[in-house]
Amino acid sequence: MKFGKAIETSARELPEEWQPYVIQYKLLKKNIKQIVCELESTFQRLNIALPADPDEAGGPGPGADKGPETIAYSIEKDSDGVVHPVIRVKVRRQTPPPAQDLAADAAPDGAAGPGGHEETQVTTVRLEADQLFFDQLLEYIGRMHQFGQRYSGAYCANVSHLGVELAAVTSPYKHDYEVWREIFRLYMDAEVWAHSEGDARPMSTSEEGHRRFAKFAQHIETIGLAQRLRDPMSARVLMGFYKLNLDLAHMRLLQEMNDQATRKIIKKHDKRTHLVAKAQFPQLIAIDTATLTRALAQAIHNNLVGVVPQVDDHLCPMCLSIAWKPLRLECRHVFCSRCIVKASRSRIFDCPVCRARGAVYRASVANLDYALLNFLKLYFPREIRERQRDIQQDISDDDSRAVVAAQAQGHHCIVM
C-alpha cells in the first residue's frame, strides 16, 4: 500500500476532531509537481542544464561544482520567520581576447588565449512554488504543536482529577485497595508504554502500546479483578484509566503519522526536484514527536500507578522479601533486621549494596526506621504476617541446627 493511502487509513482510527491535525501528505505531494515545473522553466530561462539527482551514484547535487556552472540551494528564514527557498547559480565563462590578437595568440583546442579572462556571474532566484510547499508543511507542523500543547494541559488535568478519585478509593482501610494494588502491578508488568520517569528505554509505538494495553485489559477481565471492585467510584476510575491509555495511544499514533509523513515528503521533495532540503529543514523548526507522549505516560505513572504502594518497592535487597523491621544503615540503604543479624554472624560488616565500610557492623536498634515500619504495617499487613511466619520458622531452623551441631560435638543438651 502506498504511503498516502496508508496514512489516510491510519487517520480513520483517530477521533474525528483530530483530523485537521494530520499532515496532508497527498496535497504536499501535488505541490512538488509545481516545484519541478518551476525549476524547469527557471533553468531553461537561465540556459543551464538541470541538476543531477543527488541520490544517484556519482551524481553531483546542488552546491557541487559542475565545471562552468555551480548551483547552490538554500532555505533562508527572514526576521519574520518566513521561509525563502532560493537557488544561486554561479556561471563562469572564458571571454575571448581582443579580435586583433586572435591570429597571433590563437590557443590550441579552442581555449581562450593569453588575452582572455574568466567572468563570473551569480544569479539568485527565489522559488515561489518551493516556498508555498514549505509554508504549508510548517503550518501543519505548527498546528500540530499547538494542538499538542492544548491537549497536554487538558490530559494532565484529567489525570490529576482521576488521581483525587483514586486516592479516595485506595485507602488502606478500604476493600478496593488490595484490588487496585493488583491491577496496577499487572499494568506495570505489562509494560504498556515501557516508560516511566527515569526509564531510558524508547517509548512503545502506538501499535505496541495499544496491543499491550488490550492484552492487559483482557487479563483484568479474565481473572475477575474488575468485578471485585465494590465502590462504584472505583468502576468509574477504572474506566477513566482505560480511556487515558487509549487517548495516549491515539496521540502517539498522530505523532508517528506526522513524523513519518514529514520525513517522507522531504525525501520525495529532494528526489523529484534534485534539491537537498533534508539537511536544512530540521534547522527551520524543532521537531520532537516523543517528548509530549513521554510526558503523558509519566503523568499516568506519577499520578495514578505510582500512587498505590507496591510491595516490590519495599523489598530487602538480601532476602528479596518485604523489609520487615527495616533497619536503615548509615549509607541510607534499608534491610530487614533479620538479614542484618545474619550478615553480622557471617562477619559481613560492609553494606551489601554500596560496600560502605562498617555500615552493618555499626547497625543497632537505633537504626530502626519507625516511619517506614508503620507504613509497611498499614499498607502491607498480609505480607508482614507472612514474613513474620517465615522469620519464626527461620529462627526455629537455626536453633535446631545449633542443637544438632552441639550434639555432634559431644555436648549434652540439658533442659532445666
Protein backbone atom coordinates (compact mmCIF):
# COMPACT_ATOMS: atom_id res chain seq x y z
CA MET A 1 0.00 0.00 0.00
CA LYS A 2 1.31 3.44 -0.92
CA PHE A 3 2.10 5.76 1.95
CA GLY A 4 -0.56 8.33 1.00
CA LYS A 5 -3.25 5.65 1.18
CA ALA A 6 -1.74 4.15 4.33
CA ILE A 7 -1.79 7.45 6.22
CA GLU A 8 -5.43 8.00 5.24
CA THR A 9 -6.31 4.55 6.56
CA SER A 10 -4.47 5.15 9.84
CA ALA A 11 -6.09 8.56 10.26
CA ARG A 12 -9.53 6.90 10.42
CA GLU A 13 -8.52 5.38 13.77
CA LEU A 14 -8.22 8.87 15.29
CA PRO A 15 -11.13 10.87 16.75
CA GLU A 16 -12.91 12.94 14.13
CA GLU A 17 -11.96 16.22 15.80
CA TRP A 18 -8.27 15.30 15.42
CA GLN A 19 -8.40 15.01 11.61
CA PRO A 20 -7.35 18.66 10.93
CA TYR A 21 -4.03 17.98 12.67
CA VAL A 22 -2.95 15.20 10.30
CA ILE A 23 -0.37 16.33 7.72
CA GLN A 24 -1.96 16.30 4.26
CA TYR A 25 0.65 14.21 2.51
CA LYS A 26 -1.14 13.96 -0.84
CA LEU A 27 -1.63 17.72 -1.08
CA LEU A 28 2.05 18.36 -0.39
CA LYS A 29 2.96 15.72 -2.96
CA LYS A 30 0.96 17.61 -5.60
CA ASN A 31 2.85 20.79 -4.73
CA ILE A 32 6.12 19.05 -5.56
CA LYS A 33 4.99 18.79 -9.19
CA GLN A 34 4.64 22.57 -9.28
CA ILE A 35 8.17 22.93 -7.89
CA VAL A 36 9.53 20.70 -10.67
CA CYS A 37 7.77 22.80 -13.33
CA GLU A 38 9.13 25.99 -11.75
CA LEU A 39 12.67 24.63 -11.74
CA GLU A 40 12.45 23.52 -15.37
CA SER A 41 11.32 26.96 -16.52
CA THR A 42 13.94 28.66 -14.34
CA PHE A 43 16.85 26.63 -15.71
CA GLN A 44 15.54 26.97 -19.22
CA ARG A 45 15.44 30.76 -18.83
CA LEU A 46 19.00 30.77 -17.46
CA ASN A 47 20.06 28.45 -20.29
CA ILE A 48 21.68 25.90 -18.00
CA ALA A 49 21.18 22.18 -17.50
CA LEU A 50 19.01 20.74 -14.77
CA PRO A 51 20.98 19.48 -11.72
CA ALA A 52 21.57 15.76 -11.44
CA ASP A 53 19.79 13.56 -8.92
CA PRO A 54 21.89 13.68 -5.71
CA ASP A 55 20.76 10.13 -4.84
CA GLU A 56 22.24 8.66 -7.99
CA ALA A 57 25.67 7.12 -7.64
CA GLY A 58 28.27 9.68 -8.53
CA GLY A 59 25.62 12.29 -9.33
CA PRO A 60 26.54 15.75 -8.06
CA GLY A 61 23.86 17.56 -6.11
CA PRO A 62 23.18 21.30 -5.95
CA GLY A 63 26.15 23.07 -4.48
CA ALA A 64 28.64 20.83 -6.28
CA ASP A 65 30.98 22.23 -8.91
CA LYS A 66 29.74 21.33 -12.38
CA GLY A 67 32.58 22.88 -14.34
CA PRO A 68 31.46 26.27 -15.66
CA GLU A 69 28.24 26.26 -13.54
CA THR A 70 27.71 25.93 -9.78
CA ILE A 71 24.17 25.64 -8.38
CA ALA A 72 23.67 26.20 -4.64
CA TYR A 73 20.30 25.61 -2.96
CA SER A 74 19.48 27.07 0.45
CA ILE A 75 16.42 27.62 2.62
CA GLU A 76 16.62 31.02 4.26
CA LYS A 77 14.47 32.37 7.06
CA ASP A 78 13.89 36.09 7.50
CA SER A 79 13.33 38.05 10.72
CA ASP A 80 9.57 37.47 10.49
CA GLY A 81 10.05 33.72 10.36
CA VAL A 82 9.09 33.47 6.69
CA VAL A 83 10.92 30.78 4.74
CA HIS A 84 12.53 31.69 1.40
CA PRO A 85 14.00 28.80 -0.65
CA VAL A 86 16.49 30.16 -3.17
CA ILE A 87 18.99 28.85 -5.69
CA ARG A 88 22.14 30.71 -6.58
CA VAL A 89 23.59 29.93 -9.98
CA LYS A 90 27.23 30.87 -10.49
CA VAL A 91 28.24 30.84 -14.14
CA ARG A 92 31.93 31.07 -15.11
CA ARG A 93 32.73 31.88 -18.73
CA GLN A 94 36.00 32.50 -20.55
CA THR A 95 35.91 35.66 -22.62
CA PRO A 96 37.98 35.65 -25.85
CA PRO A 97 40.93 38.01 -26.27
CA PRO A 98 40.58 41.16 -28.39
CA ALA A 99 39.96 40.46 -32.06
CA GLN A 100 43.37 41.80 -33.21
CA ASP A 101 45.15 39.26 -31.03
CA LEU A 102 43.23 36.21 -32.20
CA ALA A 103 45.52 35.37 -35.10
CA ALA A 104 48.76 35.84 -33.16
CA ASP A 105 47.70 34.27 -29.90
CA ALA A 106 45.40 31.55 -31.05
CA ALA A 107 45.22 28.90 -28.35
CA PRO A 108 45.04 25.19 -29.13
CA ASP A 109 41.84 23.19 -28.73
CA GLY A 110 39.69 26.31 -28.77
CA ALA A 111 40.81 27.54 -25.31
CA ALA A 112 40.97 31.27 -24.59
CA GLY A 113 44.23 32.90 -25.48
CA PRO A 114 46.52 34.84 -23.19
CA GLY A 115 44.48 37.97 -23.62
CA GLY A 116 41.24 36.35 -22.45
CA HIS A 117 39.90 36.27 -18.89
CA GLU A 118 37.25 34.49 -16.83
CA GLU A 119 33.97 36.20 -15.91
CA THR A 120 31.75 35.03 -13.03
CA GLN A 121 28.07 35.89 -12.88
CA VAL A 122 25.86 34.98 -9.87
CA THR A 123 22.09 34.84 -10.30
CA THR A 124 19.79 34.42 -7.27
CA VAL A 125 16.32 33.03 -7.90
CA ARG A 126 13.58 32.70 -5.31
CA LEU A 127 11.50 29.58 -5.76
CA GLU A 128 7.88 30.60 -5.19
CA ALA A 129 6.40 27.11 -5.53
CA ASP A 130 9.02 25.74 -3.16
CA GLN A 131 8.18 28.46 -0.64
CA LEU A 132 4.50 27.55 -0.82
CA PHE A 133 5.41 23.90 -0.20
CA PHE A 134 7.41 24.69 2.95
CA ASP A 135 4.87 27.24 4.18
CA GLN A 136 2.18 24.56 4.09
CA LEU A 137 4.39 21.94 5.72
CA LEU A 138 5.46 24.30 8.51
CA GLU A 139 1.84 25.32 9.03
CA TYR A 140 0.83 21.68 9.51
CA ILE A 141 3.66 21.11 11.99
CA GLY A 142 2.91 24.33 13.89
CA ARG A 143 -0.78 23.47 14.07
CA MET A 144 0.05 20.03 15.43
CA HIS A 145 2.41 21.55 18.01
CA GLN A 146 -0.26 23.95 19.27
CA PHE A 147 -2.82 21.16 19.45
CA GLY A 148 -0.36 19.00 21.38
CA GLN A 149 0.21 21.75 23.95
CA ARG A 150 -3.51 22.30 24.47
CA TYR A 151 -4.22 18.61 24.64
CA SER A 152 -1.39 18.02 27.10
CA GLY A 153 -2.85 20.56 29.52
CA ALA A 154 -6.32 19.01 29.34
CA TYR A 155 -4.90 15.48 29.60
CA CYS A 156 -2.84 16.23 32.70
CA ALA A 157 -5.87 17.93 34.28
CA ASN A 158 -7.89 14.75 33.71
CA VAL A 159 -5.09 12.67 35.21
CA SER A 160 -4.98 14.89 38.30
CA HIS A 161 -8.75 14.73 38.73
CA LEU A 162 -8.70 10.95 38.38
CA GLY A 163 -5.84 10.82 40.89
CA VAL A 164 -8.01 12.55 43.50
CA GLU A 165 -10.77 9.98 43.00
CA LEU A 166 -8.25 7.15 43.05
CA ALA A 167 -6.85 8.34 46.39
CA ALA A 168 -10.36 8.17 47.83
CA VAL A 169 -10.90 4.52 46.82
CA THR A 170 -7.39 3.22 47.58
CA SER A 171 -7.25 4.00 51.27
CA PRO A 172 -5.61 1.05 53.07
CA TYR A 173 -8.76 0.79 55.21
CA LYS A 174 -10.95 0.07 52.17
CA HIS A 175 -11.57 -3.24 50.45
CA ASP A 176 -10.72 -1.95 46.96
CA TYR A 177 -7.15 -1.07 47.96
CA GLU A 178 -5.89 -4.64 47.51
CA VAL A 179 -7.67 -4.94 44.16
CA TRP A 180 -6.12 -1.71 42.87
CA ARG A 181 -2.70 -2.86 44.02
CA GLU A 182 -3.08 -5.96 41.89
CA ILE A 183 -4.45 -4.01 38.89
CA PHE A 184 -1.50 -1.63 38.86
CA ARG A 185 1.00 -4.42 39.47
CA LEU A 186 -0.29 -6.19 36.37
CA TYR A 187 -0.24 -2.91 34.46
CA MET A 188 3.43 -2.35 35.29
CA ASP A 189 4.26 -5.96 34.45
CA ALA A 190 2.57 -5.48 31.06
CA GLU A 191 4.93 -2.55 30.30
CA VAL A 192 2.21 -0.97 28.19
CA TRP A 193 4.31 2.07 27.33
CA ALA A 194 7.63 0.67 28.56
CA HIS A 195 8.42 4.04 30.05
CA SER A 196 8.33 5.65 33.46
CA GLU A 197 10.27 8.54 34.91
CA GLY A 198 13.99 7.84 34.62
CA ASP A 199 13.43 4.97 32.17
CA ALA A 200 15.98 5.26 29.35
CA ARG A 201 14.25 2.78 27.06
CA PRO A 202 12.46 4.07 23.97
CA MET A 203 8.74 4.51 24.37
CA SER A 204 6.43 1.91 22.86
CA THR A 205 4.95 2.66 19.46
CA SER A 206 1.22 3.28 19.24
CA GLU A 207 0.69 -0.22 17.85
CA GLU A 208 2.76 -1.87 20.60
CA GLY A 209 1.13 0.20 23.35
CA HIS A 210 -2.38 -0.48 22.07
CA ARG A 211 -1.70 -4.22 21.76
CA ARG A 212 -0.18 -4.48 25.26
CA PHE A 213 -2.96 -2.46 26.84
CA ALA A 214 -5.64 -4.58 25.16
CA LYS A 215 -3.92 -7.71 26.48
CA PHE A 216 -3.72 -6.17 29.98
CA ALA A 217 -7.41 -5.16 29.96
CA GLN A 218 -8.43 -8.62 28.73
CA HIS A 219 -6.42 -10.23 31.53
CA ILE A 220 -8.11 -7.99 34.11
CA GLU A 221 -11.50 -9.14 32.89
CA THR A 222 -10.46 -12.78 32.66
CA ILE A 223 -9.32 -13.04 36.30
CA GLY A 224 -12.29 -11.01 37.51
CA LEU A 225 -10.45 -8.11 39.12
CA ALA A 226 -12.93 -5.54 37.80
CA GLN A 227 -15.82 -7.48 39.33
CA ARG A 228 -14.12 -7.44 42.74
CA LEU A 229 -14.28 -3.64 42.96
CA ARG A 230 -17.07 -2.77 45.39
CA ASP A 231 -17.04 1.02 45.40
CA PRO A 232 -18.97 2.48 42.41
CA MET A 233 -16.32 5.21 42.20
CA SER A 234 -13.69 2.52 41.60
CA ALA A 235 -15.52 1.36 38.48
CA ARG A 236 -15.58 4.94 37.17
CA VAL A 237 -11.89 5.38 37.94
CA LEU A 238 -11.05 2.15 36.13
CA MET A 239 -12.96 3.27 33.02
CA GLY A 240 -11.22 6.64 33.21
CA PHE A 241 -7.86 4.88 33.48
CA TYR A 242 -8.69 2.82 30.40
CA LYS A 243 -9.67 5.95 28.45
CA LEU A 244 -6.45 7.75 29.38
CA ASN A 245 -4.41 4.90 27.91
CA LEU A 246 -6.48 4.77 24.71
CA ASP A 247 -6.17 8.54 24.30
CA LEU A 248 -2.42 8.23 24.77
CA ALA A 249 -2.35 5.58 22.04
CA HIS A 250 -4.20 7.97 19.71
CA MET A 251 -1.81 10.83 20.43
CA ARG A 252 1.15 8.53 19.89
CA LEU A 253 -0.35 7.42 16.54
CA LEU A 254 -0.95 11.02 15.44
CA GLN A 255 2.63 12.00 16.20
CA GLU A 256 4.03 8.91 14.48
CA MET A 257 1.95 9.59 11.36
CA ASN A 258 3.03 13.23 11.15
CA ASP A 259 6.66 12.41 11.84
CA GLN A 260 6.73 9.77 9.12
CA ALA A 261 4.80 12.00 6.70
CA THR A 262 7.30 14.84 7.23
CA ARG A 263 10.31 12.61 6.63
CA LYS A 264 8.81 11.00 3.55
CA ILE A 265 7.60 14.21 1.94
CA ILE A 266 11.03 15.84 2.39
CA LYS A 267 12.64 12.78 0.85
CA LYS A 268 10.14 12.90 -2.02
CA HIS A 269 10.86 16.62 -2.46
CA ASP A 270 14.60 16.03 -2.76
CA LYS A 271 14.20 13.10 -5.13
CA ARG A 272 11.84 14.84 -7.53
CA THR A 273 13.45 18.29 -7.52
CA HIS A 274 17.11 17.20 -7.12
CA LEU A 275 17.38 19.82 -4.38
CA VAL A 276 18.77 18.95 -0.97
CA ALA A 277 16.35 20.09 1.78
CA LYS A 278 16.79 17.12 4.10
CA ALA A 279 19.82 18.57 5.88
CA GLN A 280 18.42 22.12 6.08
CA PHE A 281 14.81 21.55 7.07
CA PRO A 282 15.47 20.45 10.71
CA GLN A 283 17.18 23.81 11.26
CA LEU A 284 13.96 25.64 10.43
CA ILE A 285 11.82 24.05 13.12
CA ALA A 286 12.42 21.77 16.08
CA ILE A 287 10.51 18.53 15.53
CA ASP A 288 10.12 16.43 18.67
CA THR A 289 7.50 13.72 18.45
CA ALA A 290 8.42 11.81 21.59
CA THR A 291 8.57 14.36 24.42
CA LEU A 292 4.82 15.00 24.58
CA THR A 293 3.68 11.37 24.70
CA ARG A 294 6.52 10.55 27.09
CA ALA A 295 5.30 13.29 29.43
CA LEU A 296 1.72 11.96 29.24
CA ALA A 297 2.91 8.44 30.07
CA GLN A 298 4.87 9.81 33.02
CA ALA A 299 1.76 11.66 34.21
CA ILE A 300 -0.13 8.36 34.31
CA HIS A 301 2.68 6.69 36.22
CA ASN A 302 3.36 9.51 38.69
CA ASN A 303 -0.23 10.49 39.48
CA LEU A 304 -2.01 7.15 39.24
CA VAL A 305 0.03 3.97 39.04
CA GLY A 306 2.81 5.17 41.34
CA VAL A 307 0.40 6.46 43.98
CA VAL A 308 -0.70 2.99 45.11
CA PRO A 309 2.18 1.42 47.09
CA GLN A 310 3.62 -1.81 45.75
CA VAL A 311 5.43 -4.35 47.87
CA ASP A 312 8.18 -4.64 45.25
CA ASP A 313 9.27 -1.11 46.16
CA HIS A 314 9.99 -2.18 49.75
CA LEU A 315 11.96 -5.40 49.42
CA CYS A 316 15.10 -6.21 51.37
CA PRO A 317 18.00 -6.41 48.87
CA MET A 318 19.35 -9.51 50.61
CA CYS A 319 16.36 -11.83 51.07
CA LEU A 320 14.12 -10.16 48.45
CA SER A 321 11.19 -10.27 50.89
CA ILE A 322 9.43 -7.31 52.43
CA ALA A 323 11.86 -5.45 54.69
CA TRP A 324 10.13 -6.17 57.98
CA LYS A 325 11.53 -4.26 60.97
CA PRO A 326 13.54 -2.21 58.49
CA LEU A 327 17.00 -1.04 59.51
CA ARG A 328 18.27 1.98 57.61
CA LEU A 329 22.07 1.89 57.62
CA GLU A 330 24.23 4.98 57.78
CA CYS A 331 24.59 4.76 53.98
CA ARG A 332 20.73 5.03 53.79
CA HIS A 333 20.17 1.55 52.37
CA VAL A 334 17.36 -0.41 54.02
CA PHE A 335 17.42 -4.08 55.04
CA CYS A 336 15.23 -6.23 57.22
CA SER A 337 16.64 -6.69 60.73
CA ARG A 338 16.84 -10.46 60.31
CA CYS A 339 19.21 -10.15 57.33
CA ILE A 340 21.44 -7.66 59.18
CA VAL A 341 21.72 -10.07 62.12
CA LYS A 342 22.63 -12.96 59.82
CA ALA A 343 25.13 -10.78 57.93
CA SER A 344 26.87 -9.84 61.20
CA ARG A 345 27.06 -13.50 62.25
CA SER A 346 28.66 -14.26 58.89
CA ARG A 347 31.18 -11.46 59.50
CA ILE A 348 29.81 -9.30 56.72
CA PHE A 349 30.38 -5.83 58.13
CA ASP A 350 30.11 -3.65 54.98
CA CYS A 351 26.88 -2.64 53.24
CA PRO A 352 26.00 -5.41 50.73
CA VAL A 353 24.72 -2.78 48.24
CA CYS A 354 27.26 0.05 48.21
CA ARG A 355 30.09 -1.57 50.24
CA ALA A 356 30.10 1.27 52.79
CA ARG A 357 32.74 0.15 55.27
CA GLY A 358 31.44 -0.92 58.68
CA ALA A 359 27.82 0.08 57.93
CA VAL A 360 26.48 -3.34 59.01
CA TYR A 361 28.88 -3.61 61.95
CA ARG A 362 27.70 -0.30 63.43
CA ALA A 363 23.96 -1.01 62.91
CA SER A 364 21.85 -1.24 66.06
CA VAL A 365 18.30 -0.78 67.30
CA ALA A 366 18.81 2.95 66.77
CA ASN A 367 18.81 2.30 63.01
CA LEU A 368 15.22 1.03 63.05
CA ASP A 369 13.14 3.19 60.66
CA TYR A 370 9.89 3.62 62.62
CA ALA A 371 8.19 5.71 59.93
CA LEU A 372 8.77 3.00 57.34
CA LEU A 373 7.82 0.33 59.88
CA ASN A 374 4.42 1.93 60.45
CA PHE A 375 3.96 2.48 56.71
CA LEU A 376 4.57 -1.21 55.98
CA LYS A 377 2.22 -2.30 58.76
CA LEU A 378 -0.51 -0.05 57.38
CA TYR A 379 -0.24 -0.89 53.67
CA PHE A 380 1.07 -4.47 53.64
CA PRO A 381 -0.44 -6.30 56.66
CA ARG A 382 -0.80 -9.61 54.80
CA GLU A 383 2.81 -9.59 53.59
CA ILE A 384 4.02 -8.64 57.06
CA ARG A 385 2.21 -11.60 58.64
CA GLU A 386 3.70 -13.95 56.05
CA ARG A 387 7.17 -12.50 56.65
CA GLN A 388 6.83 -12.87 60.43
CA ARG A 389 5.95 -16.54 60.00
CA ASP A 390 8.95 -17.03 57.72
CA ILE A 391 11.27 -15.35 60.24
CA GLN A 392 9.97 -17.51 63.10
CA GLN A 393 10.47 -20.61 61.00
CA ASP A 394 13.98 -19.43 60.09
CA ILE A 395 14.83 -18.86 63.75
CA SER A 396 13.47 -22.31 64.69
CA ASP A 397 15.55 -23.90 61.92
CA ASP A 398 18.68 -22.09 63.17
CA ASP A 399 18.03 -23.31 66.72
CA SER A 400 17.54 -26.88 65.50
CA ARG A 401 20.77 -26.76 63.53
CA ALA A 402 22.57 -25.39 66.58
CA VAL A 403 21.32 -28.27 68.75
CA VAL A 404 22.31 -30.85 66.17
CA ALA A 405 25.75 -29.27 65.82
CA ALA A 406 26.23 -29.27 69.61
CA GLN A 407 25.25 -32.93 69.87
CA ALA A 408 27.63 -33.80 67.05
CA GLN A 409 30.44 -32.23 69.04
CA GLY A 410 29.61 -34.32 72.14
CA HIS A 411 27.90 -31.61 74.17
CA HIS A 412 24.87 -32.62 76.22
CA CYS A 413 21.65 -30.73 75.86
CA ILE A 414 20.35 -30.03 79.33
CA VAL A 415 16.75 -28.92 79.73
CA MET A 416 16.09 -27.16 83.03
